[in-house]
Protein backbone atom coordinates (compact mmCIF):
# COMPACT_ATOMS: atom_id res chain seq x y z
CA MET A 1 8.58 -8.13 22.62
CA PRO A 2 9.69 -8.21 18.95
CA GLY A 3 12.65 -5.97 18.23
CA SER A 4 13.64 -5.43 21.85
CA LEU A 5 17.04 -6.38 23.16
CA SER A 6 16.92 -9.98 24.32
CA LEU A 7 19.20 -9.25 27.28
CA LEU A 8 16.62 -6.87 28.69
CA LYS A 9 13.62 -9.21 28.43
CA GLY A 10 14.32 -11.27 31.54
CA LEU A 11 15.70 -8.76 34.03
CA PRO A 12 16.64 -10.12 37.44
CA ARG A 13 14.28 -9.44 40.30
CA TYR A 14 15.25 -6.83 42.86
CA ASP A 15 16.16 -9.48 45.45
CA VAL A 16 18.90 -10.75 43.11
CA PHE A 17 20.55 -7.32 43.32
CA LEU A 18 20.18 -7.34 47.09
CA GLN A 19 22.01 -10.70 47.19
CA GLU A 20 24.76 -9.33 44.93
CA ALA A 21 25.16 -6.32 47.23
CA LYS A 22 26.14 -8.72 50.03
CA CYS A 23 29.14 -9.82 47.96
CA PHE A 24 29.87 -6.33 46.61
CA PRO A 25 29.01 -3.77 49.31
CA GLU A 26 29.66 -0.84 46.96
CA LEU A 27 26.85 -2.08 44.69
CA ASP A 28 23.69 0.00 45.01
CA ALA A 29 20.96 -2.59 44.38
CA SER A 30 18.26 0.03 43.99
CA ALA A 31 20.31 2.01 41.44
CA CYS A 32 21.10 -1.12 39.42
CA TYR A 33 17.50 -2.26 39.35
CA THR A 34 16.21 1.22 38.45
CA TYR A 35 18.77 1.63 35.68
CA LEU A 36 17.92 -1.71 34.09
CA GLN A 37 14.19 -0.99 34.32
CA LEU A 38 14.79 2.32 32.56
CA LEU A 39 16.80 0.61 29.81
CA ARG A 40 14.18 -2.08 29.37
CA THR A 41 11.32 0.42 29.18
CA GLY A 42 13.18 2.53 26.62
CA ASP A 43 13.99 -0.54 24.57
CA GLU A 44 10.36 -1.68 24.58
CA LEU A 45 9.14 1.81 23.67
CA LEU A 46 11.53 2.02 20.71
CA ALA A 47 10.53 -1.44 19.49
CA LEU A 48 6.81 -0.63 19.70
CA ASP A 49 7.36 2.77 18.11
CA GLU A 50 9.09 1.09 15.19
CA GLN A 51 6.17 -1.34 14.79
CA VAL A 52 3.59 1.46 14.83
CA LEU A 53 5.48 3.55 12.29
CA ASN A 54 6.05 0.46 10.11
CA SER A 55 2.28 -0.03 10.04
CA TYR A 56 2.10 3.40 8.38
CA GLY A 57 4.83 2.47 5.92
CA THR A 58 7.56 4.61 7.42
CA ARG A 59 10.44 4.51 9.88
CA HIS A 60 11.39 6.65 12.83
CA GLY A 61 14.10 8.71 11.10
CA ARG A 62 11.94 9.50 8.08
CA PHE A 63 8.91 10.40 10.20
CA ASN A 64 10.92 12.65 12.52
CA LEU A 65 12.50 14.43 9.57
CA LEU A 66 9.08 15.07 8.02
CA MET A 67 7.80 16.40 11.36
CA ILE A 68 10.78 18.74 11.63
CA LEU A 69 10.17 19.99 8.09
CA LEU A 70 6.54 20.64 9.01
CA LYS A 71 7.72 23.06 11.71
CA TYR A 72 9.99 24.98 9.33
CA GLY A 73 8.56 27.61 7.00
CA ASP A 74 8.44 26.51 3.37
CA GLY A 75 11.96 26.38 2.01
CA GLU A 76 13.67 27.47 5.25
CA ALA A 77 15.31 24.11 5.88
CA THR A 78 18.69 23.12 4.48
CA PRO A 79 20.23 19.64 4.57
CA ALA A 80 23.02 20.91 6.85
CA GLY A 81 20.51 22.56 9.19
CA LEU A 82 18.45 19.37 9.32
CA ALA A 83 21.56 17.33 10.15
CA ASP A 84 22.35 19.73 13.00
CA LYS A 85 18.75 19.70 14.24
CA THR A 86 18.50 15.91 14.26
CA GLY A 87 22.02 15.20 15.49
CA VAL A 88 22.96 12.93 12.59
CA THR A 89 25.62 13.26 9.93
CA ARG A 90 25.07 15.13 6.68
CA ALA A 91 25.50 11.83 4.85
CA THR A 92 22.65 10.30 6.89
CA ILE A 93 20.40 13.29 6.18
CA SER A 94 21.29 13.09 2.52
CA GLY A 95 20.22 9.44 2.42
CA LEU A 96 16.97 10.18 4.24
CA LEU A 97 16.22 13.10 1.93
CA ASP A 98 16.98 10.95 -1.13
CA GLY A 99 14.36 8.41 -0.03
CA LEU A 100 11.78 11.04 0.90
CA GLU A 101 12.30 12.83 -2.41
CA LYS A 102 12.03 9.55 -4.34
CA ASP A 103 8.71 8.96 -2.56
CA GLY A 104 7.53 12.47 -3.49
CA LEU A 105 7.27 13.64 0.13
CA ILE A 106 9.91 16.38 -0.12
CA LYS A 107 11.53 18.43 -2.86
CA ARG A 108 15.03 19.89 -2.86
CA LYS A 109 15.50 23.16 -4.71
CA PRO A 110 18.43 25.55 -5.09
CA ASP A 111 18.17 28.71 -2.98
CA PRO A 112 17.09 31.54 -5.32
CA GLU A 113 19.58 34.00 -3.76
CA ASP A 114 22.51 31.67 -3.08
CA ARG A 115 22.59 28.81 -5.55
CA ARG A 116 25.23 27.02 -3.43
CA LEU A 117 22.50 26.31 -0.88
CA ILE A 118 19.82 23.68 -1.25
CA ARG A 119 16.44 24.28 0.36
CA VAL A 120 14.19 21.42 1.42
CA HIS A 121 10.44 21.74 0.88
CA LEU A 122 7.68 19.49 2.19
CA THR A 123 5.44 18.62 -0.78
CA SER A 124 1.65 18.38 -0.75
CA ALA A 125 2.12 14.58 -0.69
CA GLY A 126 4.36 15.02 2.37
CA HIS A 127 1.70 17.12 4.10
CA ALA A 128 -0.97 14.55 3.19
CA PHE A 129 1.19 11.72 4.53
CA LEU A 130 1.66 13.51 7.86
CA ASP A 131 -2.05 14.32 8.03
CA LYS A 132 -2.74 10.59 7.61
CA VAL A 133 -0.18 9.38 10.18
CA ARG A 134 -0.23 11.99 12.95
CA PRO A 135 -3.70 11.34 14.45
CA GLY A 136 -3.19 7.59 14.93
CA TYR A 137 0.42 7.98 15.97
CA SER A 138 -0.57 10.62 18.54
CA ARG A 139 -3.30 8.35 19.89
CA TRP A 140 -0.76 5.54 20.18
CA PHE A 141 1.82 7.44 22.18
CA SER A 142 -0.87 9.06 24.33
CA SER A 143 -2.12 5.57 25.17
CA ILE A 144 1.32 4.69 26.56
CA VAL A 145 1.00 7.23 29.40
CA GLU A 146 -2.76 6.81 29.77
CA PRO A 147 -2.45 4.91 33.10
CA LEU A 148 -0.72 7.94 34.63
CA ASP A 149 -2.69 10.92 35.90
CA LYS A 150 -1.46 14.47 35.15
CA GLU A 151 0.55 14.72 38.38
CA GLU A 152 2.24 11.36 37.76
CA ARG A 153 3.11 12.45 34.22
CA ARG A 154 4.57 15.71 35.51
CA GLN A 155 6.58 13.78 38.09
CA LEU A 156 7.83 11.28 35.48
CA VAL A 157 8.96 14.10 33.20
CA PHE A 158 10.72 15.78 36.12
CA LEU A 159 12.56 12.56 37.02
CA LEU A 160 13.53 11.84 33.41
CA GLU A 161 14.86 15.40 33.07
CA LYS A 162 17.02 14.82 36.18
CA ILE A 163 18.45 11.68 34.59
CA ARG A 164 19.11 13.49 31.29
CA THR A 165 20.87 16.27 33.20
CA ARG A 166 23.05 13.68 34.92
CA LEU A 167 23.82 12.01 31.58
CA SER A 168 24.93 15.38 30.20
CA GLU A 169 27.15 15.92 33.23
CA LEU A 170 28.74 12.49 32.88
CA ALA A 171 29.27 12.91 29.14
CA GLY A 172 30.77 16.39 29.68
CA ASN A 173 33.19 15.07 32.28
CA GLY A 174 34.10 12.03 30.22
CA GLU A 175 32.85 9.95 33.13
CA SER A 176 30.77 7.74 30.87
CA GLN A 177 34.01 6.10 29.82
CA SER A 178 35.65 3.10 31.41
CA ALA A 179 37.27 5.30 34.10
CA GLN A 180 34.02 4.98 36.02
CA LEU A 181 34.48 1.22 36.08
CA SER A 182 37.76 1.24 37.96
């Protein structure tokens, strides 16, 4: 798959992990296989997502920022608030906003009551762009989970939430560091 990590393309079969577990009894073959499948699926989703958004002439960060602005009331968003909301640095948001403003999709204006603040507005061209992209993009990501019925989707979300909770626990305890490897 173009754009995906080459190391994840040819994952070992489950029986390879079972063989490894004979040499390393502490190795949980099922956990290893599941983890690598999760990484591979995420990698393939991101690569495909990038291709789909590229076909609309945009990238993931720009599209997400426009979608966030759509949810704000007109002029409620600030660059600092957008950086916090997206989890990126203010410098990254500034660069994204520069490009979006250059393309006429957003406009930055000083706050009328506090001129130290800058407010970010989605322009009519920004609204039109989102109106053009959202239907096809929504159809695309809906097609990804199409093989799953509603109960399977609910179950998948539940399982992914459990993994995200565990990731938060590990990150909070610092366990994601090399201490886990010893």
